[in-house]
Amino acid sequence: MHTSAQPKVTYDISVLDLSQMPEYSSYDFDLGDITYIEDTEFFGWSLIDGKTPYKEEIIISEIVQELDAPEKNVIKVQNYKTQFEDLF
């Protein structure tokens, strides 16, 4: 239905890893995790229950961690699922 109407998109996101801090322990992401992203310029708005940003389901497909420079960490996410082997 709605899934096939969306183009396949890959995002590279620069991140700051807060998962080691107790108040942010739930922000620990791993390969294959499913989460959501809001990009109103690309995906637009949902008009159900008022005007809210459309949340696109994404899967984490790559994590690059720079141990010497954690501010350069990158998470690659995509809104489409490939074969399981492609994720690793």
PDB file of N, CA and C in Angstrom:
ATOM      1  N   MET A   1       0.837  -1.176   0.000  1.00  0.00           N
ATOM      2  CA  MET A   1       0.000   0.000   0.000  1.00  0.00           C
ATOM      3  C   MET A   1       0.887   1.246   0.000  1.00  0.00           C
ATOM      4  N   HIS A   2       1.066   1.874   1.143  1.00  0.00           N
ATOM      5  CA  HIS A   2       1.833   3.112   1.243  1.00  0.00           C
ATOM      6  C   HIS A   2       3.333   2.866   1.031  1.00  0.00           C
ATOM      7  N   THR A   3       3.825   1.683   1.434  1.00  0.00           N
ATOM      8  CA  THR A   3       5.252   1.386   1.355  1.00  0.00           C
ATOM      9  C   THR A   3       5.767   1.457  -0.074  1.00  0.00           C
ATOM     10  N   SER A   4       5.039   0.913  -1.016  1.00  0.00           N
ATOM     11  CA  SER A   4       5.512   0.897  -2.392  1.00  0.00           C
ATOM     12  C   SER A   4       5.465   2.279  -3.045  1.00  0.00           C
ATOM     13  N   ALA A   5       4.785   3.229  -2.434  1.00  0.00           N
ATOM     14  CA  ALA A   5       4.698   4.575  -2.985  1.00  0.00           C
ATOM     15  C   ALA A   5       5.926   5.420  -2.638  1.00  0.00           C
ATOM     16  N   GLN A   6       6.685   5.003  -1.644  1.00  0.00           N
ATOM     17  CA  GLN A   6       7.849   5.770  -1.219  1.00  0.00           C
ATOM     18  C   GLN A   6       9.098   5.308  -1.962  1.00  0.00           C
ATOM     19  N   PRO A   7       9.940   6.224  -2.424  1.00  0.00           N
ATOM     20  CA  PRO A   7      11.195   5.837  -3.080  1.00  0.00           C
ATOM     21  C   PRO A   7      12.168   5.237  -2.070  1.00  0.00           C
ATOM     22  N   LYS A   8      13.085   4.415  -2.569  1.00  0.00           N
ATOM     23  CA  LYS A   8      14.116   3.852  -1.707  1.00  0.00           C
ATOM     24  C   LYS A   8      15.133   4.939  -1.409  1.00  0.00           C
ATOM     25  N   VAL A   9      15.405   5.150  -0.114  1.00  0.00           N
ATOM     26  CA  VAL A   9      16.289   6.229   0.314  1.00  0.00           C
ATOM     27  C   VAL A   9      17.287   5.688   1.324  1.00  0.00           C
ATOM     28  N   THR A  10      18.532   6.157   1.232  1.00  0.00           N
ATOM     29  CA  THR A  10      19.556   5.851   2.222  1.00  0.00           C
ATOM     30  C   THR A  10      20.032   7.171   2.809  1.00  0.00           C
ATOM     31  N   TYR A  11      20.101   7.233   4.137  1.00  0.00           N
ATOM     32  CA  TYR A  11      20.588   8.416   4.842  1.00  0.00           C
ATOM     33  C   TYR A  11      21.899   8.076   5.543  1.00  0.00           C
ATOM     34  N   ASP A  12      22.839   8.992   5.562  1.00  0.00           N
ATOM     35  CA  ASP A  12      24.003   8.930   6.429  1.00  0.00           C
ATOM     36  C   ASP A  12      23.785   9.997   7.488  1.00  0.00           C
ATOM     37  N   ILE A  13      23.801   9.580   8.751  1.00  0.00           N
ATOM     38  CA  ILE A  13      23.499  10.493   9.844  1.00  0.00           C
ATOM     39  C   ILE A  13      24.710  10.589  10.761  1.00  0.00           C
ATOM     40  N   SER A  14      25.205  11.790  10.995  1.00  0.00           N
ATOM     41  CA  SER A  14      26.254  11.988  11.993  1.00  0.00           C
ATOM     42  C   SER A  14      25.589  11.957  13.358  1.00  0.00           C
ATOM     43  N   VAL A  15      26.183  11.202  14.273  1.00  0.00           N
ATOM     44  CA  VAL A  15      25.537  11.016  15.572  1.00  0.00           C
ATOM     45  C   VAL A  15      26.515  11.248  16.708  1.00  0.00           C
ATOM     46  N   LEU A  16      25.969  11.551  17.847  1.00  0.00           N
ATOM     47  CA  LEU A  16      26.725  11.631  19.086  1.00  0.00           C
ATOM     48  C   LEU A  16      26.220  10.495  19.961  1.00  0.00           C
ATOM     49  N   ASP A  17      27.105   9.582  20.341  1.00  0.00           N
ATOM     50  CA  ASP A  17      26.707   8.397  21.103  1.00  0.00           C
ATOM     51  C   ASP A  17      26.507   8.758  22.570  1.00  0.00           C
ATOM     52  N   LEU A  18      25.249   8.795  22.976  1.00  0.00           N
ATOM     53  CA  LEU A  18      24.904   9.116  24.363  1.00  0.00           C
ATOM     54  C   LEU A  18      24.555   7.869  25.170  1.00  0.00           C
ATOM     55  N   SER A  19      24.623   6.701  24.563  1.00  0.00           N
ATOM     56  CA  SER A  19      24.124   5.483  25.199  1.00  0.00           C
ATOM     57  C   SER A  19      24.887   5.107  26.472  1.00  0.00           C
ATOM     58  N   GLN A  20      26.086   5.627  26.666  1.00  0.00           N
ATOM     59  CA  GLN A  20      26.856   5.315  27.870  1.00  0.00           C
ATOM     60  C   GLN A  20      26.405   6.128  29.081  1.00  0.00           C
ATOM     61  N   MET A  21      25.617   7.159  28.845  1.00  0.00           N
ATOM     62  CA  MET A  21      25.094   7.960  29.948  1.00  0.00           C
ATOM     63  C   MET A  21      23.806   7.305  30.444  1.00  0.00           C
ATOM     64  N   PRO A  22      23.638   7.131  31.756  1.00  0.00           N
ATOM     65  CA  PRO A  22      22.477   6.397  32.286  1.00  0.00           C
ATOM     66  C   PRO A  22      21.124   6.910  31.803  1.00  0.00           C
ATOM     67  N   GLU A  23      20.943   8.216  31.693  1.00  0.00           N
ATOM     68  CA  GLU A  23      19.650   8.757  31.286  1.00  0.00           C
ATOM     69  C   GLU A  23      19.353   8.534  29.802  1.00  0.00           C
ATOM     70  N   TYR A  24      20.366   8.123  29.019  1.00  0.00           N
ATOM     71  CA  TYR A  24      20.181   7.869  27.593  1.00  0.00           C
ATOM     72  C   TYR A  24      20.492   6.418  27.217  1.00  0.00           C
ATOM     73  N   SER A  25      20.442   5.515  28.179  1.00  0.00           N
ATOM     74  CA  SER A  25      20.814   4.122  27.921  1.00  0.00           C
ATOM     75  C   SER A  25      19.915   3.450  26.878  1.00  0.00           C
ATOM     76  N   SER A  26      18.706   3.941  26.682  1.00  0.00           N
ATOM     77  CA  SER A  26      17.809   3.352  25.687  1.00  0.00           C
ATOM     78  C   SER A  26      18.152   3.791  24.264  1.00  0.00           C
ATOM     79  N   TYR A  27      19.116   4.681  24.093  1.00  0.00           N
ATOM     80  CA  TYR A  27      19.528   5.171  22.775  1.00  0.00           C
ATOM     81  C   TYR A  27      20.704   4.370  22.215  1.00  0.00           C
ATOM     82  N   ASP A  28      20.741   3.080  22.502  1.00  0.00           N
ATOM     83  CA  ASP A  28      21.793   2.201  22.002  1.00  0.00           C
ATOM     84  C   ASP A  28      21.249   1.475  20.780  1.00  0.00           C
ATOM     85  N   PHE A  29      21.811   1.746  19.603  1.00  0.00           N
ATOM     86  CA  PHE A  29      21.325   1.171  18.360  1.00  0.00           C
ATOM     87  C   PHE A  29      22.293   0.131  17.832  1.00  0.00           C
ATOM     88  N   ASP A  30      21.755  -0.908  17.200  1.00  0.00           N
ATOM     89  CA  ASP A  30      22.545  -1.977  16.607  1.00  0.00           C
ATOM     90  C   ASP A  30      22.110  -2.201  15.171  1.00  0.00           C
ATOM     91  N   LEU A  31      22.940  -2.899  14.405  1.00  0.00           N
ATOM     92  CA  LEU A  31      22.582  -3.245  13.034  1.00  0.00           C
ATOM     93  C   LEU A  31      21.268  -4.011  12.997  1.00  0.00           C
ATOM     94  N   GLY A  32      20.438  -3.678  12.053  1.00  0.00           N
ATOM     95  CA  GLY A  32      19.166  -4.369  11.890  1.00  0.00           C
ATOM     96  C   GLY A  32      18.033  -3.804  12.722  1.00  0.00           C
ATOM     97  N   ASP A  33      18.333  -2.877  13.639  1.00  0.00           N
ATOM     98  CA  ASP A  33      17.277  -2.252  14.437  1.00  0.00           C
ATOM     99  C   ASP A  33      16.361  -1.437  13.530  1.00  0.00           C
ATOM    100  N   ILE A  34      15.097  -1.424  13.882  1.00  0.00           N
ATOM    101  CA  ILE A  34      14.110  -0.643  13.135  1.00  0.00           C
ATOM    102  C   ILE A  34      13.695   0.542  14.000  1.00  0.00           C
ATOM    103  N   THR A  35      13.678   1.726  13.398  1.00  0.00           N
ATOM    104  CA  THR A  35      13.263   2.942  14.083  1.00  0.00           C
ATOM    105  C   THR A  35      12.546   3.824  13.062  1.00  0.00           C
ATOM    106  N   TYR A  36      12.359   5.076  13.369  1.00  0.00           N
ATOM    107  CA  TYR A  36      11.631   5.988  12.481  1.00  0.00           C
ATOM    108  C   TYR A  36      12.423   7.265  12.276  1.00  0.00           C
ATOM    109  N   ILE A  37      12.220   7.894  11.132  1.00  0.00           N
ATOM    110  CA  ILE A  37      12.855   9.172  10.825  1.00  0.00           C
ATOM    111  C   ILE A  37      11.780  10.112  10.286  1.00  0.00           C
ATOM    112  N   GLU A  38      11.914  11.380  10.614  1.00  0.00           N
ATOM    113  CA  GLU A  38      11.006  12.400  10.093  1.00  0.00           C
ATOM    114  C   GLU A  38      11.805  13.316   9.172  1.00  0.00           C
ATOM    115  N   ASP A  39      11.369  13.452   7.938  1.00  0.00           N
ATOM    116  CA  ASP A  39      11.982  14.362   6.975  1.00  0.00           C
ATOM    117  C   ASP A  39      10.835  15.007   6.204  1.00  0.00           C
ATOM    118  N   THR A  40      10.337  16.121   6.718  1.00  0.00           N
ATOM    119  CA  THR A  40       9.144  16.733   6.123  1.00  0.00           C
ATOM    120  C   THR A  40       9.401  17.262   4.724  1.00  0.00           C
ATOM    121  N   GLU A  41      10.628  17.629   4.407  1.00  0.00           N
ATOM    122  CA  GLU A  41      10.925  18.105   3.060  1.00  0.00           C
ATOM    123  C   GLU A  41      10.849  16.982   2.039  1.00  0.00           C
ATOM    124  N   PHE A  42      11.161  15.757   2.464  1.00  0.00           N
ATOM    125  CA  PHE A  42      11.160  14.638   1.529  1.00  0.00           C
ATOM    126  C   PHE A  42       9.876  13.809   1.615  1.00  0.00           C
ATOM    127  N   PHE A  43       9.488  13.403   2.852  1.00  0.00           N
ATOM    128  CA  PHE A  43       8.336  12.527   3.037  1.00  0.00           C
ATOM    129  C   PHE A  43       7.030  13.273   3.261  1.00  0.00           C
ATOM    130  N   GLY A  44       7.108  14.536   3.647  1.00  0.00           N
ATOM    131  CA  GLY A  44       5.901  15.330   3.813  1.00  0.00           C
ATOM    132  C   GLY A  44       5.236  15.163   5.170  1.00  0.00           C
ATOM    133  N   TRP A  45       3.945  15.403   5.169  1.00  0.00           N
ATOM    134  CA  TRP A  45       3.162  15.448   6.397  1.00  0.00           C
ATOM    135  C   TRP A  45       2.054  14.404   6.353  1.00  0.00           C
ATOM    136  N   SER A  46       1.660  13.927   7.528  1.00  0.00           N
ATOM    137  CA  SER A  46       0.512  13.042   7.663  1.00  0.00           C
ATOM    138  C   SER A  46      -0.672  13.902   8.088  1.00  0.00           C
ATOM    139  N   LEU A  47      -1.764  13.791   7.385  1.00  0.00           N
ATOM    140  CA  LEU A  47      -2.929  14.614   7.695  1.00  0.00           C
ATOM    141  C   LEU A  47      -3.954  13.871   8.548  1.00  0.00           C
ATOM    142  N   ILE A  48      -3.601  12.675   9.013  1.00  0.00           N
ATOM    143  CA  ILE A  48      -4.467  11.924   9.920  1.00  0.00           C
ATOM    144  C   ILE A  48      -4.295  12.513  11.321  1.00  0.00           C
ATOM    145  N   ASP A  49      -5.381  12.793  12.005  1.00  0.00           N
ATOM    146  CA  ASP A  49      -5.353  13.405  13.349  1.00  0.00           C
ATOM    147  C   ASP A  49      -4.604  14.739  13.336  1.00  0.00           C
ATOM    148  N   GLY A  50      -4.855  15.567  12.369  1.00  0.00           N
ATOM    149  CA  GLY A  50      -4.189  16.863  12.269  1.00  0.00           C
ATOM    150  C   GLY A  50      -2.947  16.760  11.407  1.00  0.00           C
ATOM    151  N   LYS A  51      -2.194  17.821  11.350  1.00  0.00           N
ATOM    152  CA  LYS A  51      -0.990  17.859  10.527  1.00  0.00           C
ATOM    153  C   LYS A  51       0.220  17.491  11.381  1.00  0.00           C
ATOM    154  N   THR A  52       0.767  16.292  11.166  1.00  0.00           N
ATOM    155  CA  THR A  52       1.955  15.834  11.884  1.00  0.00           C
ATOM    156  C   THR A  52       2.980  15.335  10.866  1.00  0.00           C
ATOM    157  N   PRO A  53       4.260  15.414  11.201  1.00  0.00           N
ATOM    158  CA  PRO A  53       5.270  14.915  10.268  1.00  0.00           C
ATOM    159  C   PRO A  53       5.091  13.419  10.025  1.00  0.00           C
ATOM    160  N   TYR A  54       5.239  13.011   8.765  1.00  0.00           N
ATOM    161  CA  TYR A  54       5.158  11.594   8.434  1.00  0.00           C
ATOM    162  C   TYR A  54       6.415  10.902   8.947  1.00  0.00           C
ATOM    163  N   LYS A  55       6.250   9.797   9.649  1.00  0.00           N
ATOM    164  CA  LYS A  55       7.376   9.031  10.179  1.00  0.00           C
ATOM    165  C   LYS A  55       7.627   7.848   9.263  1.00  0.00           C
ATOM    166  N   GLU A  56       8.787   7.844   8.621  1.00  0.00           N
ATOM    167  CA  GLU A  56       9.178   6.758   7.727  1.00  0.00           C
ATOM    168  C   GLU A  56       9.924   5.695   8.527  1.00  0.00           C
ATOM    169  N   GLU A  57       9.498   4.447   8.401  1.00  0.00           N
ATOM    170  CA  GLU A  57      10.188   3.356   9.080  1.00  0.00           C
ATOM    171  C   GLU A  57      11.528   3.117   8.395  1.00  0.00           C
ATOM    172  N   ILE A  58      12.580   3.029   9.187  1.00  0.00           N
ATOM    173  CA  ILE A  58      13.913   2.811   8.642  1.00  0.00           C
ATOM    174  C   ILE A  58      14.586   1.664   9.374  1.00  0.00           C
ATOM    175  N   ILE A  59      15.598   1.111   8.733  1.00  0.00           N
ATOM    176  CA  ILE A  59      16.393   0.046   9.336  1.00  0.00           C
ATOM    177  C   ILE A  59      17.853   0.489   9.341  1.00  0.00           C
ATOM    178  N   ILE A  60      18.554   0.219  10.433  1.00  0.00           N
ATOM    179  CA  ILE A  60      19.961   0.597  10.538  1.00  0.00           C
ATOM    180  C   ILE A  60      20.777  -0.436   9.776  1.00  0.00           C
ATOM    181  N   SER A  61      21.496   0.030   8.742  1.00  0.00           N
ATOM    182  CA  SER A  61      22.214  -0.894   7.870  1.00  0.00           C
ATOM    183  C   SER A  61      23.734  -0.813   8.010  1.00  0.00           C
ATOM    184  N   GLU A  62      24.242   0.231   8.648  1.00  0.00           N
ATOM    185  CA  GLU A  62      25.691   0.347   8.827  1.00  0.00           C
ATOM    186  C   GLU A  62      25.979   1.305   9.971  1.00  0.00           C
ATOM    187  N   ILE A  63      26.982   0.973  10.772  1.00  0.00           N
ATOM    188  CA  ILE A  63      27.426   1.846  11.861  1.00  0.00           C
ATOM    189  C   ILE A  63      28.932   1.990  11.747  1.00  0.00           C
ATOM    190  N   VAL A  64      29.403   3.238  11.662  1.00  0.00           N
ATOM    191  CA  VAL A  64      30.840   3.520  11.619  1.00  0.00           C
ATOM    192  C   VAL A  64      31.176   4.276  12.891  1.00  0.00           C
ATOM    193  N   GLN A  65      32.050   3.673  13.712  1.00  0.00           N
ATOM    194  CA  GLN A  65      32.448   4.317  14.958  1.00  0.00           C
ATOM    195  C   GLN A  65      33.911   4.705  14.884  1.00  0.00           C
ATOM    196  N   GLU A  66      34.177   5.960  15.124  1.00  0.00           N
ATOM    197  CA  GLU A  66      35.543   6.479  15.173  1.00  0.00           C
ATOM    198  C   GLU A  66      35.949   6.527  16.646  1.00  0.00           C
ATOM    199  N   LEU A  67      36.745   5.551  17.068  1.00  0.00           N
ATOM    200  CA  LEU A  67      37.098   5.459  18.484  1.00  0.00           C
ATOM    201  C   LEU A  67      37.929   6.646  18.960  1.00  0.00           C
ATOM    202  N   ASP A  68      38.774   7.192  18.082  1.00  0.00           N
ATOM    203  CA  ASP A  68      39.593   8.340  18.463  1.00  0.00           C
ATOM    204  C   ASP A  68      38.844   9.661  18.357  1.00  0.00           C
ATOM    205  N   ALA A  69      37.753   9.675  17.606  1.00  0.00           N
ATOM    206  CA  ALA A  69      36.972  10.905  17.422  1.00  0.00           C
ATOM    207  C   ALA A  69      35.485  10.552  17.384  1.00  0.00           C
ATOM    208  N   PRO A  70      34.877  10.301  18.547  1.00  0.00           N
ATOM    209  CA  PRO A  70      33.478   9.870  18.579  1.00  0.00           C
ATOM    210  C   PRO A  70      32.497  10.857  17.948  1.00  0.00           C
ATOM    211  N   GLU A  71      32.889  12.122  17.821  1.00  0.00           N
ATOM    212  CA  GLU A  71      32.003  13.095  17.178  1.00  0.00           C
ATOM    213  C   GLU A  71      31.866  12.842  15.678  1.00  0.00           C
ATOM    214  N   LYS A  72      32.675  11.945  15.126  1.00  0.00           N
ATOM    215  CA  LYS A  72      32.617  11.605  13.712  1.00  0.00           C
ATOM    216  C   LYS A  72      31.862  10.290  13.454  1.00  0.00           C
ATOM    217  N   ASN A  73      31.213   9.750  14.478  1.00  0.00           N
ATOM    218  CA  ASN A  73      30.436   8.519  14.304  1.00  0.00           C
ATOM    219  C   ASN A  73      29.332   8.741  13.284  1.00  0.00           C
ATOM    220  N   VAL A  74      29.050   7.711  12.483  1.00  0.00           N
ATOM    221  CA  VAL A  74      28.028   7.794  11.443  1.00  0.00           C
ATOM    222  C   VAL A  74      27.163   6.542  11.503  1.00  0.00           C
ATOM    223  N   ILE A  75      25.859   6.728  11.379  1.00  0.00           N
ATOM    224  CA  ILE A  75      24.927   5.617  11.248  1.00  0.00           C
ATOM    225  C   ILE A  75      24.280   5.736   9.877  1.00  0.00           C
ATOM    226  N   LYS A  76      24.316   4.654   9.109  1.00  0.00           N
ATOM    227  CA  LYS A  76      23.658   4.638   7.801  1.00  0.00           C
ATOM    228  C   LYS A  76      22.335   3.902   7.971  1.00  0.00           C
ATOM    229  N   VAL A  77      21.264   4.551   7.539  1.00  0.00           N
ATOM    230  CA  VAL A  77      19.929   3.962   7.635  1.00  0.00           C
ATOM    231  C   VAL A  77      19.280   3.961   6.261  1.00  0.00           C
ATOM    232  N   GLN A  78      18.339   3.080   6.078  1.00  0.00           N
ATOM    233  CA  GLN A  78      17.619   3.021   4.809  1.00  0.00           C
ATOM    234  C   GLN A  78      16.163   2.693   5.084  1.00  0.00           C
ATOM    235  N   ASN A  79      15.292   3.064   4.161  1.00  0.00           N
ATOM    236  CA  ASN A  79      13.863   2.838   4.360  1.00  0.00           C
ATOM    237  C   ASN A  79      13.378   1.618   3.596  1.00  0.00           C
ATOM    238  N   TYR A  80      14.295   0.770   3.177  1.00  0.00           N
ATOM    239  CA  TYR A  80      13.908  -0.453   2.483  1.00  0.00           C
ATOM    240  C   TYR A  80      14.738  -1.607   3.035  1.00  0.00           C
ATOM    241  N   LYS A  81      14.194  -2.787   2.944  1.00  0.00           N
ATOM    242  CA  LYS A  81      14.875  -3.963   3.454  1.00  0.00           C
ATOM    243  C   LYS A  81      15.496  -4.714   2.290  1.00  0.00           C
ATOM    244  N   THR A  82      16.774  -5.057   2.445  1.00  0.00           N
ATOM    245  CA  THR A  82      17.454  -5.871   1.457  1.00  0.00           C
ATOM    246  C   THR A  82      17.547  -7.282   2.013  1.00  0.00           C
ATOM    247  N   GLN A  83      18.240  -8.142   1.321  1.00  0.00           N
ATOM    248  CA  GLN A  83      18.429  -9.475   1.852  1.00  0.00           C
ATOM    249  C   GLN A  83      19.206  -9.389   3.155  1.00  0.00           C
ATOM    250  N   PHE A  84      18.965 -10.322   4.055  1.00  0.00           N
ATOM    251  CA  PHE A  84      19.578 -10.314   5.370  1.00  0.00           C
ATOM    252  C   PHE A  84      21.109 -10.217   5.265  1.00  0.00           C
ATOM    253  N   GLU A  85      21.708 -10.910   4.323  1.00  0.00           N
ATOM    254  CA  GLU A  85      23.154 -10.899   4.166  1.00  0.00           C
ATOM    255  C   GLU A  85      23.674  -9.503   3.831  1.00  0.00           C
ATOM    256  N   ASP A  86      22.898  -8.706   3.133  1.00  0.00           N
ATOM    257  CA  ASP A  86      23.323  -7.365   2.742  1.00  0.00           C
ATOM    258  C   ASP A  86      23.495  -6.442   3.945  1.00  0.00           C
ATOM    259  N   LEU A  87      22.816  -6.739   5.047  1.00  0.00           N
ATOM    260  CA  LEU A  87      22.910  -5.882   6.226  1.00  0.00           C
ATOM    261  C   LEU A  87      24.251  -6.055   6.928  1.00  0.00           C
ATOM    262  N   PHE A  88      24.908  -7.174   6.687  1.00  0.00           N
ATOM    263  CA  PHE A  88      26.171  -7.459   7.370  1.00  0.00           C
ATOM    264  C   PHE A  88      27.243  -7.626   6.350  1.00  0.00           C
TER     265      PHE A  88
END
